[in-house]
Protein backbone atom coordinates (compact mmCIF):
# COMPACT_ATOMS: atom_id res chain seq x y z
CA UNK A 1 -18.44 -9.05 16.84
CA UNK A 2 -16.71 -6.61 14.49
CA UNK A 3 -17.13 -6.28 10.73
CA UNK A 4 -14.31 -5.33 8.39
CA UNK A 5 -14.39 -4.32 4.72
CA UNK A 6 -11.62 -4.69 2.14
CA UNK A 7 -11.51 -1.70 -0.20
CA UNK A 8 -8.71 -3.42 -2.18
CA UNK A 9 -7.70 -7.07 -2.41
CA UNK A 10 -5.79 -7.87 0.80
CA UNK A 11 -3.45 -10.86 1.11
CA UNK A 12 -5.36 -13.83 2.50
CA UNK A 13 -2.49 -14.73 4.81
CA UNK A 14 -3.25 -11.52 6.68
CA UNK A 15 -7.02 -11.95 6.70
CA UNK A 16 -6.50 -15.43 8.14
CA UNK A 17 -5.16 -13.77 11.30
CA UNK A 18 -8.56 -12.33 12.16
CA UNK A 19 -10.07 -14.13 15.14
CA UNK A 20 -13.59 -15.53 15.17
CA UNK A 21 -15.08 -12.29 16.49
CA UNK A 22 -14.20 -10.52 13.24
CA UNK A 23 -16.27 -11.01 10.10
CA UNK A 24 -15.78 -9.77 6.55
CA UNK A 25 -18.65 -7.73 5.14
CA UNK A 26 -19.53 -6.78 1.58
CA UNK A 27 -21.16 -3.54 2.75
CA UNK A 28 -18.70 -0.78 3.59
CA UNK A 29 -21.27 1.03 5.73
CA UNK A 30 -21.58 -2.02 7.97
CA UNK A 31 -17.87 -2.05 8.85
CA UNK A 32 -16.10 -0.87 11.98
CA UNK A 33 -12.81 -1.25 10.14
CA UNK A 34 -11.66 -0.77 6.53
CA UNK A 35 -8.56 -2.38 5.04
CA UNK A 36 -7.14 -0.51 2.05
CA UNK A 37 -4.08 -0.41 -0.16
CA UNK A 38 -4.10 2.29 -2.85
CA UNK A 39 -7.83 3.01 -3.37
CA UNK A 40 -8.53 6.75 -3.11
CA UNK A 41 -10.83 7.55 -0.19
CA UNK A 42 -10.99 11.36 -0.26
CA UNK A 43 -14.49 11.49 -1.76
CA UNK A 44 -15.91 8.75 0.46
CA UNK A 45 -18.45 9.58 3.13
CA UNK A 46 -17.84 7.50 6.24
CA UNK A 47 -20.62 5.89 8.22
CA UNK A 48 -20.69 6.78 11.91
CA UNK A 49 -20.05 3.11 12.64
CA UNK A 50 -16.55 3.28 11.14
CA UNK A 51 -13.84 3.32 13.80
CA UNK A 52 -10.59 2.76 11.93
CA UNK A 53 -8.86 2.44 8.55
CA UNK A 54 -5.76 0.28 8.16
CA UNK A 55 -3.56 1.00 5.15
CA UNK A 56 -1.63 -2.11 4.07
CA UNK A 57 1.41 -0.06 3.08
CA UNK A 58 3.31 3.03 4.17
CA UNK A 59 1.88 5.97 2.20
CA UNK A 60 -1.48 7.41 3.24
CA UNK A 61 -1.97 10.17 0.66
CA UNK A 62 -5.05 8.31 -0.56
CA UNK A 63 -6.79 8.80 2.80
CA UNK A 64 -8.29 12.07 4.16
CA UNK A 65 -6.28 12.06 7.40
CA UNK A 66 -7.48 15.36 8.85
CA UNK A 67 -11.13 14.57 8.23
CA UNK A 68 -10.68 11.15 9.80
CA UNK A 69 -9.08 12.74 12.86
CA UNK A 70 -12.02 15.14 13.20
CA UNK A 71 -14.43 12.20 13.01
CA UNK A 72 -12.49 10.11 15.52
CA UNK A 73 -11.44 7.54 12.92
CA UNK A 74 -7.96 6.16 13.56
CA UNK A 75 -5.84 5.64 10.44
CA UNK A 76 -3.04 3.09 10.61
CA UNK A 77 -0.24 2.29 8.21
CA UNK A 78 2.33 -0.50 8.16
CA UNK A 79 5.79 1.12 8.31
CA UNK A 80 8.62 -1.23 7.43
CA UNK A 81 6.43 -4.12 6.32
CA UNK A 82 7.32 -3.58 2.67
CA UNK A 83 10.79 -2.13 3.27
CA UNK A 84 12.75 -5.08 1.94
CA UNK A 85 10.72 -5.26 -1.27
CA UNK A 86 11.23 -1.55 -1.94
CA UNK A 87 14.92 -1.77 -1.03
CA UNK A 88 15.50 -4.51 -3.58
CA UNK A 89 13.80 -2.52 -6.33
CA UNK A 90 15.84 0.58 -5.45
CA UNK A 91 19.02 -1.45 -5.94
CA UNK A 92 17.63 -2.80 -9.22
CA UNK A 93 16.81 0.76 -10.32
CA UNK A 94 20.32 1.85 -9.47
CA UNK A 95 21.75 -0.90 -11.68
CA UNK A 96 19.33 -0.20 -14.52
CA UNK A 97 20.37 3.45 -14.50
CA UNK A 98 24.12 2.79 -14.24
CA UNK A 99 24.25 0.10 -16.91
CA UNK A 100 22.09 0.48 -20.02
CA UNK A 101 20.49 -2.92 -19.42
CA UNK A 102 17.12 -1.90 -20.81
CA UNK A 103 18.70 -0.48 -23.95
CA UNK A 104 20.53 -3.75 -24.50
CA UNK A 105 17.43 -5.85 -23.90
CA UNK A 106 15.41 -3.72 -26.31
CA UNK A 107 18.14 -4.06 -28.94
CA UNK A 108 18.02 -7.85 -28.68
CA UNK A 109 14.24 -7.81 -29.01
CA UNK A 110 14.43 -5.61 -32.10
CA UNK A 111 16.99 -7.94 -33.72
CA UNK A 112 15.49 -11.24 -32.58
CA UNK A 113 14.94 -12.54 -36.13
CA UNK A 114 18.55 -12.03 -37.15
CA UNK A 115 20.24 -15.45 -37.53
CA UNK A 116 23.60 -13.76 -36.82
CA UNK A 117 22.32 -11.96 -33.71
CA UNK A 118 25.19 -13.20 -31.54
CA UNK A 119 27.81 -11.80 -33.87
CA UNK A 120 25.87 -8.57 -34.38
CA UNK A 121 25.42 -8.13 -30.64
CA UNK A 122 29.19 -8.21 -30.11
CA UNK A 123 29.51 -5.23 -32.42
CA UNK A 124 26.56 -3.34 -30.94
CA UNK A 125 27.09 -3.92 -27.22
CA UNK A 126 29.47 -0.97 -26.84
CA UNK A 127 26.42 1.28 -27.34
CA UNK A 128 25.01 -0.02 -24.05
CA UNK A 129 28.14 0.20 -21.92
CA UNK A 130 27.66 1.73 -18.49
CA UNK A 131 29.41 2.26 -15.18
CA UNK A 132 29.72 0.14 -12.05
CA UNK A 133 28.21 1.25 -8.76
CA UNK A 134 31.11 0.03 -6.64
CA UNK A 135 33.06 3.03 -5.42
CA UNK A 136 30.30 5.50 -6.32
CA UNK A 137 28.88 7.93 -3.78
CA UNK A 138 25.25 7.22 -2.88
CA UNK A 139 23.18 9.88 -1.15
CA UNK A 140 20.09 8.76 0.76
CA UNK A 141 17.56 11.42 1.74
CA UNK A 142 15.46 9.91 4.53
CA UNK A 143 16.75 7.22 6.88
CA UNK A 144 13.54 5.44 7.78
CA UNK A 145 12.93 1.72 7.41
CA UNK A 146 13.63 1.70 3.65
CA UNK A 147 16.45 4.24 3.65
CA UNK A 148 18.38 2.32 6.30
CA UNK A 149 18.06 -0.95 4.38
CA UNK A 150 19.24 0.71 1.16
CA UNK A 151 22.19 2.26 3.01
CA UNK A 152 23.30 -1.02 4.54
CA UNK A 153 23.13 -3.06 1.34
CA UNK A 154 24.87 -0.28 -0.62
CA UNK A 155 27.79 -0.45 1.79
CA UNK A 156 28.07 -4.18 1.10
CA UNK A 157 28.13 -3.36 -2.63
CA UNK A 158 31.19 -1.22 -2.08
CA UNK A 159 29.54 2.18 -2.31
CA UNK A 160 30.39 5.26 -0.26
CA UNK A 161 27.10 6.09 1.45
CA UNK A 162 25.91 9.47 2.71
CA UNK A 163 22.67 9.73 4.68
CA UNK A 164 20.55 12.78 5.48
CA UNK A 165 17.67 12.77 7.94
CA UNK A 166 17.28 15.47 10.61
CA UNK A 167 14.64 13.36 12.35
CA UNK A 168 16.26 9.93 12.26
CA UNK A 169 14.74 7.69 14.93
CA UNK A 170 16.72 5.88 17.60
CA UNK A 171 15.63 2.54 16.15
CA UNK A 172 16.80 3.52 12.66
CA UNK A 173 20.11 4.78 14.04
CA UNK A 174 20.73 1.46 15.78
CA UNK A 175 20.10 -0.43 12.53
CA UNK A 176 22.24 1.86 10.36
CA UNK A 177 25.76 0.78 9.40
CA UNK A 178 28.38 2.77 11.27
CA UNK A 179 30.14 3.31 7.94
CA UNK A 180 27.31 5.50 6.61
CA UNK A 181 28.25 9.18 6.70
CA UNK A 182 25.41 11.05 8.39
CA UNK A 183 25.36 14.58 6.96
CA UNK A 184 23.51 17.50 8.52
CA UNK A 185 22.77 19.47 5.36
CA UNK A 186 20.94 18.00 2.37
CA UNK A 187 23.07 20.15 0.08
CA UNK A 188 26.04 17.96 1.00
CA UNK A 189 24.13 15.12 -0.65
CA UNK A 190 23.51 17.21 -3.76
CA UNK A 191 27.11 18.34 -4.19
CA UNK A 192 28.92 15.09 -3.36
CA UNK A 193 26.86 12.16 -4.59
CA UNK A 194 26.81 10.35 -7.93
CA UNK A 195 23.47 8.70 -7.16
CA UNK A 196 20.69 10.17 -5.02
CA UNK A 197 17.68 8.22 -3.73
CA UNK A 198 14.73 9.77 -1.89
CA UNK A 199 12.91 8.08 1.01
CA UNK A 200 10.86 10.74 2.79
CA UNK A 201 7.09 11.14 3.25
CA UNK A 202 5.14 13.56 1.08
CA UNK A 203 4.52 16.64 3.23
CA UNK A 204 4.10 20.31 2.48
CA UNK A 205 7.76 20.71 3.42
CA UNK A 206 8.98 17.96 1.08
CA UNK A 207 6.68 18.41 -1.92
CA UNK A 208 8.78 19.32 -4.95
CA UNK A 209 12.00 19.25 -2.91
CA UNK A 210 13.93 17.97 -5.94
CA UNK A 211 13.51 21.05 -8.13
CA UNK A 212 15.61 23.22 -10.41
CA UNK A 213 17.41 24.80 -7.48
CA UNK A 214 18.33 21.44 -5.94
CA UNK A 215 19.34 19.99 -9.32
CA UNK A 216 21.62 22.97 -9.99
CA UNK A 217 23.66 21.96 -6.94
CA UNK A 218 24.11 18.35 -8.06
CA UNK A 219 27.06 16.81 -9.89
CA UNK A 220 26.87 16.51 -13.65
CA UNK A 221 25.62 13.07 -14.68
CA UNK A 222 23.80 12.42 -11.41
CA UNK A 223 21.30 9.57 -11.16
CA UNK A 224 18.11 10.31 -9.19
CA UNK A 225 15.87 7.54 -7.87
CA UNK A 226 12.37 8.18 -6.56
CA UNK A 227 10.62 5.22 -4.99
CA UNK A 228 8.85 7.29 -2.32
CA UNK A 229 6.26 9.65 -3.93
CA UNK A 230 6.21 11.22 -7.39
CA UNK A 231 5.35 14.70 -6.07
CA UNK A 232 8.62 14.85 -4.14
CA UNK A 233 10.20 15.75 -7.48
CA UNK A 234 9.30 18.58 -9.81
CA UNK A 235 9.39 16.31 -12.82
CA UNK A 236 9.43 19.09 -15.40
CA UNK A 237 12.61 20.32 -13.71
CA UNK A 238 13.87 16.73 -13.87
CA UNK A 239 13.30 16.63 -17.63
CA UNK A 240 15.07 19.97 -18.04
CA UNK A 241 17.98 18.58 -16.03
CA UNK A 242 18.17 15.54 -18.31
CA UNK A 243 18.10 17.76 -21.40
CA UNK A 244 20.89 19.92 -19.96
CA UNK A 245 23.03 16.89 -19.14
CA UNK A 246 23.00 17.52 -15.40
CA UNK A 247 20.93 14.36 -14.82
CA UNK A 248 22.01 11.10 -16.45
CA UNK A 249 18.94 9.06 -15.49
CA UNK A 250 15.77 9.52 -13.48
CA UNK A 251 14.27 6.30 -12.10
CA UNK A 252 10.71 6.57 -10.80
CA UNK A 253 8.20 4.04 -9.51
CA UNK A 254 5.32 6.36 -10.37
CA UNK A 255 4.18 6.43 -14.01
CA UNK A 256 2.58 9.62 -15.25
CA UNK A 257 2.34 11.53 -18.56
CA UNK A 258 5.23 13.83 -17.62
CA UNK A 259 7.94 11.18 -17.49
CA UNK A 260 6.52 8.07 -19.20
CA UNK A 261 8.53 7.35 -22.33
CA UNK A 262 10.79 10.38 -21.93
CA UNK A 263 14.47 10.24 -22.79
CA UNK A 264 16.57 9.54 -19.70
CA UNK A 265 13.61 8.33 -17.64
CA UNK A 266 13.17 4.78 -16.42
CA UNK A 267 9.59 4.60 -15.21
CA UNK A 268 8.40 1.51 -13.34
CA UNK A 269 4.67 0.80 -12.81
CA UNK A 270 4.64 1.20 -9.00
CA UNK A 271 6.20 -2.17 -8.22
CA UNK A 272 8.06 -1.19 -5.05
CA UNK A 273 5.91 -3.21 -2.69
CA UNK A 274 4.53 -5.58 -5.33
CA UNK A 275 6.05 -8.74 -3.99
CA UNK A 276 4.24 -11.63 -2.40
CA UNK A 277 6.26 -11.16 0.76
CA UNK A 278 5.61 -7.42 1.07
CA UNK A 279 1.88 -7.80 0.51
CA UNK A 280 1.74 -10.58 3.09
CA UNK A 281 3.72 -8.57 5.65
CA UNK A 282 1.59 -5.45 5.14
CA UNK A 283 -1.65 -7.41 5.43
CA UNK A 284 -0.58 -9.17 8.61
CA UNK A 285 0.55 -5.93 10.26
CA UNK A 286 -2.61 -4.06 9.23
CA UNK A 287 -4.85 -6.81 10.59
CA UNK A 288 -2.91 -6.92 13.86
CA UNK A 289 -3.23 -3.15 14.32
CA UNK A 290 -6.94 -3.21 13.56
CA UNK A 291 -7.70 -6.06 15.94
CA UNK A 292 -5.73 -4.51 18.80
CA UNK A 293 -7.50 -1.21 18.38
CA UNK A 294 -11.02 -2.57 18.00
CA UNK A 295 -10.60 -5.05 20.86
CA UNK A 296 -8.72 -2.90 23.35
CA UNK A 297 -8.59 0.70 22.08
CA UNK A 298 -4.80 0.57 21.86
CA UNK A 299 -3.19 2.47 18.98
CA UNK A 300 0.01 1.43 17.24
CA UNK A 301 1.37 2.99 14.01
CA UNK A 302 -1.38 5.54 13.53
CA UNK A 303 -0.68 8.47 11.22
CA UNK A 304 -3.39 10.78 12.57
CA UNK A 305 -3.50 9.91 16.28
CA UNK A 306 -0.76 9.22 18.84
CA UNK A 307 0.40 5.74 19.74
CA UNK A 308 -1.29 4.70 22.97
CA UNK A 309 -1.22 1.39 24.87
CA UNK A 310 -3.01 0.59 28.11
CA UNK A 311 -3.04 -3.18 27.69
CA UNK A 312 -6.20 -5.20 28.21
CA UNK A 313 -8.95 -3.69 30.33
CA UNK A 314 -9.44 -5.54 33.62
CA UNK A 315 -12.11 -3.29 35.10
CA UNK A 316 -15.83 -2.94 34.42
CA UNK A 317 -15.39 -0.61 31.48
CA UNK A 318 -13.06 1.33 29.20
CA UNK A 319 -13.95 4.59 27.46
CA UNK A 320 -11.87 6.22 24.75
CA UNK A 321 -12.19 9.92 23.94
CA UNK A 322 -10.90 11.68 20.81
CA UNK A 323 -10.45 15.38 21.35
CA UNK A 324 -8.56 18.57 20.64
CA UNK A 325 -5.12 18.88 22.21
CA UNK A 326 -6.04 21.80 24.49
CA UNK A 327 -5.81 22.54 28.19
CA UNK A 328 -8.22 21.26 30.88
CA UNK A 329 -9.71 18.41 28.83
CA UNK A 330 -8.65 15.70 31.30
CA UNK A 331 -10.04 17.76 34.16
CA UNK A 332 -13.41 17.99 32.42
CA UNK A 333 -13.51 14.27 31.62
CA UNK A 334 -12.60 13.33 35.19
CA UNK A 335 -15.19 15.67 36.62
CA UNK A 336 -17.89 14.28 34.35
CA UNK A 337 -17.14 10.73 35.46
CA UNK A 338 -16.70 11.74 39.09
CA UNK A 339 -20.03 13.60 39.19
CA UNK A 340 -21.69 10.36 38.08
CA UNK A 341 -20.01 8.47 40.91
CA UNK A 342 -17.72 6.53 38.57
CA UNK A 343 -14.23 5.88 39.87
CA UNK A 344 -11.30 5.94 37.43
CA UNK A 345 -9.04 2.93 37.98
CA UNK A 346 -6.51 3.82 35.30
CA UNK A 347 -6.11 6.39 32.55
CA UNK A 348 -3.80 7.51 29.77
CA UNK A 349 -3.58 10.63 27.61
CA UNK A 350 -1.45 11.09 24.51
CA UNK A 351 -1.32 13.90 21.99
CA UNK A 352 -0.17 14.36 18.40
CA UNK A 353 -0.18 17.86 16.97
CA UNK A 354 -3.65 19.35 17.36
CA UNK A 355 -5.39 16.14 18.42
CA UNK A 356 -5.28 13.96 21.50
CA UNK A 357 -6.51 10.57 22.66
CA UNK A 358 -7.51 9.63 26.19
CA UNK A 359 -8.59 6.31 27.66
CA UNK A 360 -10.19 5.68 31.03
CA UNK A 361 -10.58 2.32 32.73
CA UNK A 362 -13.57 2.74 35.02
CA UNK A 363 -14.94 0.62 37.87
CA UNK A 364 -18.54 0.73 36.71
CA UNK A 365 -19.99 0.86 33.18
CA UNK A 366 -20.61 4.24 31.55
CA UNK A 367 -24.29 4.96 30.98
CA UNK A 368 -25.73 6.57 27.87
CA UNK A 369 -26.29 9.74 29.87
CA UNK A 370 -22.61 9.95 30.85
CA UNK A 371 -21.49 9.28 27.29
CA UNK A 372 -23.70 12.09 26.01
CA UNK A 373 -22.23 14.47 28.61
CA UNK A 374 -18.69 13.54 27.59
CA UNK A 375 -19.56 13.99 23.92
CA UNK A 376 -21.03 17.42 24.67
CA UNK A 377 -17.76 18.76 26.12
CA UNK A 378 -16.36 21.43 23.81
CA UNK A 379 -13.37 20.06 21.90
CA UNK A 380 -14.49 16.41 21.89
CA UNK A 381 -14.66 14.72 18.49
CA UNK A 382 -15.86 11.29 19.51
CA UNK A 383 -16.50 9.10 22.53
CA UNK A 384 -16.14 5.35 22.14
CA UNK A 385 -17.04 2.60 24.57
CA UNK A 386 -14.27 0.02 24.19
CA UNK A 387 -15.66 -2.22 26.93
């Protein structure tokens, strides 16, 4: 029996997928697994019972990934589960920025008591005229699940689409329209595109990537859309670009004091994945990942450990070891098991950066003594008995 804890409300359609050997608990320290959406976990102390955290969404900046890796806690996310919801809002943001729809709506609200509002609106509507997106050049920085969907629908809207992603996956490439122009230098996006949308993770290398230098290389009147992470843009530089006329509109899904209510900024209250369908999809994927890991030790869509799949254990036992990605670890594990007379029927080892994950299917159960010896090996973070 496994216990799970919901740190945020999680769609019931996902929780319904838990099998009878999983039970919801109201005590976080009693849980082997935590389901979370946007709750910040950096100041949380994790009980030694905790084995995994599943983020029902893509971003994991609210989770202390490195600390979790050091404690042998696998962190999952749900890439692509909310991609369609975000894609649709990106297209909506593009239209809001190209046509002054919000300005027109606000005008009607301000004049709602005017009995001649229809006649007055005909005179005023020229103030809210905009441009069409058909024929415009759209630059997409990041061709992951969301970027690819935006690219494909933009092509159907008659836009000329440029995509930049030096690490585009094979799966994304297969799903990307052949009409999208894949550029090798992000500056080609800056210099050519009328509208630029960002879909990259927040890393040290991407933080503040849209800054004064990048903006200086963009076309006058550019529209910038940020539905990925607010810190990807230096928003003070964005405001300066709006003031200078370089940027026509900045559309962000991340409200903060810098941009909220500022001229030229359309700030949305983080609605990218706030659809019933996205929340359901994220919940179902997160639950599936958690169950597969807790039941079998298999890892899919982890952000701090490598993907690893050895199927269902058919031997007497399965042991999983979280450790540093350094030489001779497998030799030490094998020797420890061999010295105890335990034969290894099957094994797998995968690494990701500085950490690694190994699983051993063994022909007799591991004793407490063996587990302590494995845990004592220098470089081991955690030893878990899966079966």
